[in-house]
Protein backbone atom coordinates (compact mmCIF):
# COMPACT_ATOMS: atom_id res chain seq x y z
CA UNK A 1 37.33 -4.14 -24.18
CA UNK A 2 36.21 -1.95 -21.18
CA UNK A 3 33.73 -3.94 -19.11
CA UNK A 4 33.72 -2.36 -16.38
CA UNK A 5 30.39 -0.29 -15.26
CA UNK A 6 31.31 2.91 -16.05
CA UNK A 7 32.54 2.30 -19.36
CA UNK A 8 29.40 0.33 -19.89
CA UNK A 9 26.97 3.35 -19.24
CA UNK A 10 29.29 5.76 -20.60
CA UNK A 11 30.47 7.17 -18.27
CA UNK A 12 34.44 7.67 -17.09
CA UNK A 13 35.85 6.21 -14.43
CA UNK A 14 36.51 9.25 -12.49
CA UNK A 15 33.00 10.75 -12.56
CA UNK A 16 31.18 12.07 -9.70
CA UNK A 17 28.49 14.09 -10.39
CA UNK A 18 27.42 14.92 -6.80
CA UNK A 19 30.64 15.13 -4.46
CA UNK A 20 30.70 12.68 -1.17
CA UNK A 21 31.89 14.29 1.88
CA UNK A 22 35.56 13.49 2.75
CA UNK A 23 37.26 13.60 6.05
CA UNK A 24 40.57 15.72 6.10
CA UNK A 25 43.33 13.73 6.15
CA UNK A 26 45.85 12.22 3.48
CA UNK A 27 44.85 11.13 0.12
CA UNK A 28 43.91 7.58 -0.37
CA UNK A 29 45.49 5.19 -3.35
CA UNK A 30 43.86 5.44 -6.06
CA UNK A 31 42.49 1.96 -6.67
CA UNK A 32 41.26 0.12 -10.24
CA UNK A 33 37.90 -0.02 -11.03
CA UNK A 34 36.28 -3.62 -10.38
CA UNK A 35 34.88 -5.02 -13.73
CA UNK A 36 31.45 -5.67 -12.83
CA UNK A 37 29.68 -8.24 -14.96
CA UNK A 38 26.58 -7.32 -17.79
CA UNK A 39 23.95 -8.40 -15.11
CA UNK A 40 24.74 -5.60 -13.13
CA UNK A 41 24.85 -2.77 -15.58
CA UNK A 42 21.25 -0.69 -14.05
CA UNK A 43 20.07 -0.11 -17.16
CA UNK A 44 19.35 -3.56 -17.99
CA UNK A 45 16.34 -2.77 -14.78
CA UNK A 46 15.40 0.56 -16.51
CA UNK A 47 11.70 0.90 -17.62
CA UNK A 48 12.48 4.33 -19.41
CA UNK A 49 15.01 6.94 -18.69
CA UNK A 50 14.99 10.83 -19.92
CA UNK A 51 16.67 14.27 -19.38
CA UNK A 52 14.14 16.96 -19.08
CA UNK A 53 14.87 20.65 -19.75
CA UNK A 54 12.37 23.03 -18.70
CA UNK A 55 10.00 20.24 -18.72
CA UNK A 56 10.32 18.68 -22.30
CA UNK A 57 11.94 15.74 -22.59
CA UNK A 58 14.98 16.07 -24.84
CA UNK A 59 15.75 13.46 -27.55
CA UNK A 60 19.26 11.59 -27.29
CA UNK A 61 20.11 7.88 -26.52
CA UNK A 62 23.40 8.63 -24.43
CA UNK A 63 22.86 8.06 -20.42
CA UNK A 64 26.09 9.19 -19.60
CA UNK A 65 25.96 12.68 -21.50
CA UNK A 66 22.36 13.37 -19.74
CA UNK A 67 23.82 13.32 -16.46
CA UNK A 68 26.71 15.67 -17.10
CA UNK A 69 24.49 17.77 -18.94
CA UNK A 70 21.69 17.67 -15.40
CA UNK A 71 24.71 17.77 -13.07
CA UNK A 72 25.87 20.98 -14.63
CA UNK A 73 22.80 22.27 -13.91
CA UNK A 74 20.62 21.73 -17.59
CA UNK A 75 17.19 20.32 -16.42
CA UNK A 76 17.13 17.04 -14.67
CA UNK A 77 17.20 13.16 -15.75
CA UNK A 78 14.67 10.51 -14.53
CA UNK A 79 15.36 6.94 -14.43
CA UNK A 80 12.87 4.54 -13.55
CA UNK A 81 14.25 0.98 -12.48
CA UNK A 82 11.49 -2.38 -12.12
CA UNK A 83 13.09 -5.15 -9.38
CA UNK A 84 16.72 -3.97 -9.82
CA UNK A 85 19.11 -6.19 -8.63
CA UNK A 86 21.23 -4.73 -5.27
CA UNK A 87 24.27 -4.96 -8.14
CA UNK A 88 22.11 -2.93 -10.39
CA UNK A 89 21.71 -0.29 -7.65
CA UNK A 90 24.76 -0.50 -6.37
CA UNK A 91 26.43 0.57 -9.94
CA UNK A 92 23.96 4.14 -9.39
CA UNK A 93 25.91 4.99 -6.05
CA UNK A 94 28.85 6.97 -7.82
CA UNK A 95 26.77 8.18 -10.67
CA UNK A 96 24.17 9.97 -8.77
CA UNK A 97 26.04 9.54 -4.99
CA UNK A 98 23.32 8.04 -3.27
CA UNK A 99 23.87 7.18 0.52
CA UNK A 100 24.27 3.07 0.72
CA UNK A 101 21.27 3.14 2.80
CA UNK A 102 19.13 4.27 0.93
CA UNK A 103 20.26 2.21 -2.13
CA UNK A 104 19.62 -0.91 0.49
CA UNK A 105 16.02 0.90 1.01
CA UNK A 106 15.35 0.65 -2.33
CA UNK A 107 16.32 -3.10 -2.95
CA UNK A 108 14.30 -4.49 -0.34
CA UNK A 109 10.46 -5.40 -1.85
CA UNK A 110 9.21 -5.26 1.80
CA UNK A 111 10.23 -1.83 2.93
CA UNK A 112 7.66 0.00 5.17
CA UNK A 113 6.49 3.50 4.28
CA UNK A 114 8.77 6.35 5.22
CA UNK A 115 10.45 9.87 4.45
CA UNK A 116 14.28 10.68 4.73
CA UNK A 117 16.35 13.49 3.83
CA UNK A 118 20.17 13.24 3.58
CA UNK A 119 22.77 15.56 4.37
CA UNK A 120 23.59 16.10 0.76
CA UNK A 121 20.12 17.50 0.48
CA UNK A 122 18.55 14.26 -1.52
CA UNK A 123 15.45 13.33 -0.59
CA UNK A 124 14.04 9.31 -0.12
CA UNK A 125 10.73 8.70 0.29
CA UNK A 126 9.09 4.64 0.09
CA UNK A 127 5.80 4.09 0.01
CA UNK A 128 3.63 0.45 -0.52
CA UNK A 129 1.51 -0.02 -3.89
CA UNK A 130 -1.88 -1.71 -3.73
CA UNK A 131 -3.53 -3.99 -6.35
CA UNK A 132 -6.70 -5.43 -6.27
CA UNK A 133 -7.32 -8.96 -7.14
CA UNK A 134 -10.48 -9.65 -9.26
CA UNK A 135 -12.90 -12.33 -8.09
CA UNK A 136 -12.17 -14.77 -11.00
CA UNK A 137 -8.14 -14.70 -10.88
CA UNK A 138 -8.14 -15.50 -6.84
CA UNK A 139 -8.43 -18.87 -5.54
CA UNK A 140 -10.49 -20.36 -2.67
CA UNK A 141 -9.70 -18.30 0.33
CA UNK A 142 -7.30 -16.01 -1.46
CA UNK A 143 -5.82 -13.07 -0.97
CA UNK A 144 -8.12 -9.92 -2.59
CA UNK A 145 -5.54 -6.76 -2.06
CA UNK A 146 -2.12 -7.23 -2.98
CA UNK A 147 1.00 -5.03 -1.93
CA UNK A 148 4.12 -3.48 -3.29
CA UNK A 149 6.79 -1.02 -2.97
CA UNK A 150 7.70 1.99 -4.60
CA UNK A 151 10.95 4.31 -3.94
CA UNK A 152 11.59 7.49 -5.03
CA UNK A 153 15.03 9.07 -4.72
CA UNK A 154 15.47 12.34 -6.09
CA UNK A 155 18.56 15.12 -5.36
CA UNK A 156 19.33 18.52 -7.23
CA UNK A 157 19.84 17.13 -11.05
CA UNK A 158 18.43 13.26 -10.79
CA UNK A 159 15.01 11.48 -9.75
CA UNK A 160 15.28 7.63 -9.39
CA UNK A 161 12.26 5.49 -9.26
CA UNK A 162 12.43 1.98 -8.37
CA UNK A 163 9.30 -0.45 -8.02
CA UNK A 164 9.22 -3.81 -7.12
CA UNK A 165 5.51 -5.47 -7.50
CA UNK A 166 3.34 -6.55 -10.63
CA UNK A 167 0.68 -3.46 -9.64
CA UNK A 168 0.94 0.79 -9.87
CA UNK A 169 3.25 0.95 -12.81
CA UNK A 170 4.74 4.26 -12.99
CA UNK A 171 4.86 4.50 -16.95
CA UNK A 172 1.33 5.86 -16.69
CA UNK A 173 3.10 8.77 -14.40
CA UNK A 174 5.77 9.68 -16.93
CA UNK A 175 3.70 9.87 -19.60
CA UNK A 176 0.98 12.15 -17.75
CA UNK A 177 3.54 14.32 -16.32
CA UNK A 178 5.38 14.87 -20.06
CA UNK A 179 1.77 16.19 -21.24
CA UNK A 180 1.99 18.43 -18.41
CA UNK A 181 5.47 20.67 -18.78
CA UNK A 182 4.35 23.53 -16.58
CA UNK A 183 4.48 20.65 -13.77
CA UNK A 184 7.64 18.70 -15.02
CA UNK A 185 9.07 21.73 -15.25
CA UNK A 186 9.18 22.19 -11.57
CA UNK A 187 11.92 19.89 -11.27
CA UNK A 188 12.59 16.21 -9.42
CA UNK A 189 9.77 17.04 -6.92
CA UNK A 190 7.27 17.26 -9.25
CA UNK A 191 7.93 13.28 -10.20
CA UNK A 192 7.84 12.88 -6.15
CA UNK A 193 4.37 14.50 -6.61
CA UNK A 194 3.42 12.05 -9.73
CA UNK A 195 4.32 8.82 -7.73
CA UNK A 196 2.27 10.01 -4.49
CA UNK A 197 -0.63 11.10 -6.66
CA UNK A 198 -0.50 8.21 -8.72
CA UNK A 199 -0.37 5.57 -5.44
CA UNK A 200 -2.49 7.26 -3.75
CA UNK A 201 -5.51 7.34 -6.73
CA UNK A 202 -4.98 3.51 -6.70
CA UNK A 203 -5.66 3.37 -2.73
CA UNK A 204 -9.43 4.92 -3.59
CA UNK A 205 -9.67 2.42 -6.57
CA UNK A 206 -8.97 -0.31 -4.16
CA UNK A 207 -11.03 0.94 -1.29
CA UNK A 208 -13.88 1.19 -3.91
CA UNK A 209 -13.83 -2.34 -5.27
CA UNK A 210 -13.37 -3.91 -1.69
CA UNK A 211 -16.06 -1.83 -0.87
CA UNK A 212 -18.12 -3.57 -3.29
CA UNK A 213 -16.98 -6.80 -1.95
CA UNK A 214 -17.50 -5.42 1.90
CA UNK A 215 -21.25 -4.77 0.75
CA UNK A 216 -21.45 -8.24 -1.20
CA UNK A 217 -20.48 -10.61 1.99
CA UNK A 218 -22.33 -8.37 4.45
CA UNK A 219 -25.87 -9.04 1.79
CA UNK A 220 -24.91 -12.25 1.96
CA UNK A 221 -24.68 -13.18 5.45
CA UNK A 222 -27.77 -11.49 6.36
CA UNK A 223 -29.78 -12.99 2.79
CA UNK A 224 -32.50 -15.77 4.81
CA UNK A 225 -31.39 -18.91 4.28
CA UNK A 226 -27.27 -17.35 3.20
CA UNK A 227 -24.74 -19.17 4.77
CA UNK A 228 -21.77 -17.29 7.00
CA UNK A 229 -18.78 -17.41 4.41
CA UNK A 230 -16.82 -16.80 7.85
CA UNK A 231 -13.55 -18.11 5.77
CA UNK A 232 -13.65 -15.64 3.16
CA UNK A 233 -14.71 -12.79 5.75
CA UNK A 234 -11.63 -13.34 7.79
CA UNK A 235 -9.37 -13.23 4.29
CA UNK A 236 -11.43 -9.89 3.35
CA UNK A 237 -10.44 -8.86 6.97
CA UNK A 238 -6.83 -9.66 6.80
CA UNK A 239 -6.74 -7.84 3.52
CA UNK A 240 -8.30 -4.56 5.40
CA UNK A 241 -5.45 -4.66 8.20
CA UNK A 242 -2.84 -5.09 5.33
CA UNK A 243 -4.43 -2.00 3.56
CA UNK A 244 -3.96 -0.46 7.37
CA UNK A 245 -0.62 -0.92 7.71
CA UNK A 246 0.08 0.55 3.83
CA UNK A 247 -2.21 3.58 4.21
CA UNK A 248 -1.80 4.67 7.77
CA UNK A 249 2.12 4.86 7.83
CA UNK A 250 2.27 6.72 4.72
CA UNK A 251 0.09 10.12 6.52
CA UNK A 252 3.15 11.39 8.89
CA UNK A 253 6.21 11.59 5.77
CA UNK A 254 3.52 13.00 3.65
CA UNK A 255 2.46 15.81 5.78
CA UNK A 256 5.67 16.86 6.60
CA UNK A 257 6.54 16.66 2.57
CA UNK A 258 3.92 19.08 2.34
CA UNK A 259 5.01 21.20 5.31
CA UNK A 260 8.77 21.31 3.31
CA UNK A 261 7.75 22.90 0.51
CA UNK A 262 8.40 26.51 -0.07
CA UNK A 263 6.60 26.67 -3.18
CA UNK A 264 3.43 27.88 -2.13
CA UNK A 265 1.33 25.98 -5.05
CA UNK A 266 3.59 22.57 -4.84
CA UNK A 267 2.61 22.62 -1.04
CA UNK A 268 -1.28 22.60 -2.12
CA UNK A 269 -0.29 19.57 -4.74
CA UNK A 270 1.18 17.55 -1.77
CA UNK A 271 -1.55 18.62 0.73
CA UNK A 272 -4.35 17.55 -1.45
CA UNK A 273 -2.54 14.14 -2.15
CA UNK A 274 -2.79 13.82 1.50
CA UNK A 275 -6.47 14.66 1.99
CA UNK A 276 -7.42 11.86 -0.21
CA UNK A 277 -4.54 9.43 2.14
CA UNK A 278 -6.65 10.42 5.07
CA UNK A 279 -9.99 9.51 2.99
CA UNK A 280 -8.62 6.37 2.08
CA UNK A 281 -7.23 5.90 5.81
CA UNK A 282 -10.69 6.44 6.97
CA UNK A 283 -12.51 4.21 4.53
CA UNK A 284 -10.72 1.06 5.45
CA UNK A 285 -10.82 2.13 9.36
CA UNK A 286 -15.15 1.62 8.57
CA UNK A 287 -14.65 -1.47 6.69
CA UNK A 288 -12.39 -3.03 8.84
CA UNK A 289 -14.82 -2.01 11.50
CA UNK A 290 -18.22 -3.28 9.90
CA UNK A 291 -16.04 -6.79 8.69
CA UNK A 292 -15.46 -6.80 12.50
CA UNK A 293 -19.18 -6.60 13.22
CA UNK A 294 -20.00 -8.75 10.20
CA UNK A 295 -17.94 -11.70 11.35
CA UNK A 296 -19.57 -11.70 14.75
CA UNK A 297 -22.12 -11.85 12.99
CA UNK A 298 -21.32 -14.32 10.89
CA UNK A 299 -20.19 -16.61 14.00
CA UNK A 300 -23.32 -16.16 16.17
CA UNK A 301 -25.52 -17.11 13.12
CA UNK A 302 -23.38 -20.15 12.74
CA UNK A 303 -23.68 -21.05 16.45
CA UNK A 304 -27.52 -20.40 16.26
CA UNK A 305 -27.73 -22.69 13.15
CA UNK A 306 -25.77 -25.52 15.20
CA UNK A 307 -28.05 -25.30 18.05
CA UNK A 308 -31.19 -25.55 16.03
CA UNK A 309 -29.52 -28.67 14.72
CA UNK A 310 -28.56 -29.76 17.79
CA UNK A 311 -32.42 -29.06 19.30
CA UNK A 312 -33.38 -31.07 15.87
CA UNK A 313 -31.28 -34.33 16.65
CA UNK A 314 -32.47 -34.08 20.63
CA UNK A 315 -35.96 -34.00 19.84
CA UNK A 316 -35.37 -37.09 17.34
CA UNK A 317 -33.77 -39.15 19.99
CA UNK A 318 -36.64 -38.35 22.86
CA UNK A 319 -38.94 -39.51 19.88
CA UNK A 320 -37.27 -42.42 18.81
CA UNK A 321 -36.20 -43.11 22.78
CA UNK A 322 -40.13 -44.28 23.82
CA UNK A 323 -40.11 -47.15 20.86
CA UNK A 324 -36.98 -48.17 21.95
CA UNK A 325 -37.12 -48.36 25.58
CA UNK A 326 -40.89 -50.46 25.15
CA UNK A 327 -39.10 -53.19 23.01
CA UNK A 328 -36.40 -53.26 24.67
CA UNK A 329 -38.12 -54.33 27.66
CA UNK A 330 -40.88 -56.49 25.89
CA UNK A 331 -37.77 -58.19 24.25
CA UNK A 332 -36.18 -59.66 28.11
CA UNK A 333 -38.44 -62.61 27.38
CA UNK A 334 -39.73 -62.91 31.10
CA UNK A 335 -42.66 -65.33 30.99
CA UNK A 336 -45.07 -62.91 33.30
CA UNK A 337 -45.53 -59.46 31.43
CA UNK A 338 -48.37 -57.22 30.95
CA UNK A 339 -50.63 -58.09 27.86
CA UNK A 340 -48.33 -60.94 27.42
CA UNK A 341 -50.88 -63.60 26.78
CA UNK A 342 -53.77 -61.27 25.16
CA UNK A 343 -54.33 -61.61 21.74
CA UNK A 344 -54.72 -57.61 21.96
CA UNK A 345 -51.64 -57.03 23.42
CA UNK A 346 -49.11 -56.44 20.74
CA UNK A 347 -51.03 -54.27 18.96
CA UNK A 348 -52.11 -52.12 22.54
CA UNK A 349 -48.14 -51.83 22.89
CA UNK A 350 -48.11 -50.78 18.92
CA UNK A 351 -50.77 -48.30 19.76
CA UNK A 352 -49.30 -46.85 23.01
CA UNK A 353 -45.64 -46.28 21.40
CA UNK A 354 -47.31 -44.56 18.74
CA UNK A 355 -49.14 -42.65 20.30
CA UNK A 356 -46.75 -41.44 23.23
CA UNK A 357 -44.49 -40.38 19.88
CA UNK A 358 -46.88 -38.58 17.92
CA UNK A 359 -47.28 -36.72 21.64
CA UNK A 360 -43.70 -35.56 21.83
CA UNK A 361 -43.63 -34.53 18.04
CA UNK A 362 -46.48 -32.27 18.49
CA UNK A 363 -44.65 -31.12 21.89
CA UNK A 364 -41.64 -30.56 20.18
CA UNK A 365 -43.23 -28.78 17.11
CA UNK A 366 -45.31 -26.62 19.64
CA UNK A 367 -41.56 -25.62 21.18
CA UNK A 368 -40.08 -24.81 17.57
CA UNK A 369 -37.59 -27.71 17.93
CA UNK A 370 -38.69 -29.81 14.90
């Protein structure tokens, strides 16, 4: 039984839809195709794949036949993977003629947003995804925003999407594009736009939900009797910084991608997404500045509260010091002390201590220390 990777997905060992660049010279001897384990089958990590012709999904379950048809100029193949292994991605190198560096970046779950175009015309786009964590799910001081990675690799006849993380699923993007065949008929570039548009829409949604958290914290910090909640403020500020790292680096690649479009309508589509991304960047920037002000105000309020507590403690210590001092003096057991033998001496001393303490209390109340 043929256990090679090409045999598992139905492709002959010599199948090369996209020729790789070769340097002139004598032909190297052909080596046998290595046997790959079943876990290296890229289709095991596939969420969905389909062959599209004129924007319509074609029936069929033979991936190899769909690749051959698309490579010959009949539509394109869209393969969607979720958290594939390095071996599974490597199995697609010869199928789609992908650059090894592109596969390496596609397998990186912490890849920063970037856009690259290779010599064979293949386009590589990586972007970060955002997901909002509901308040009943996050723990004490837990994350409010979580990130993932979405990667799109497209060529003349294929589109490969790779996603890492549980947020921003791409299956709704496929369903949305399949409902608009005229858009999908534009080819693999429509997949690129669909993925970016969906991810940026998630940015907008997360930014709106974060805005509610910012308003809640702001009202709580400045409310009468409200606690500063410095830990929660700091966590939200960290998440806003992570959002800035996610959103800002994508602006340049998206602008470049829009300007590279020969189709004027597609250029407008990408520019529209760029405008939405710019809106998110401005929102996140304003929230970050607001949270910095709130954090300073919370720390200042905490300092004021501590100063008020210290003043109260100091006032009570000063009041208590008077009877303590008098009692200490009279507790030294000398024979000759004022009013020591008088029958009114003891009440007089108590009355004197009480009078001084009352005057001190009245003075501290007037100064608003108590």
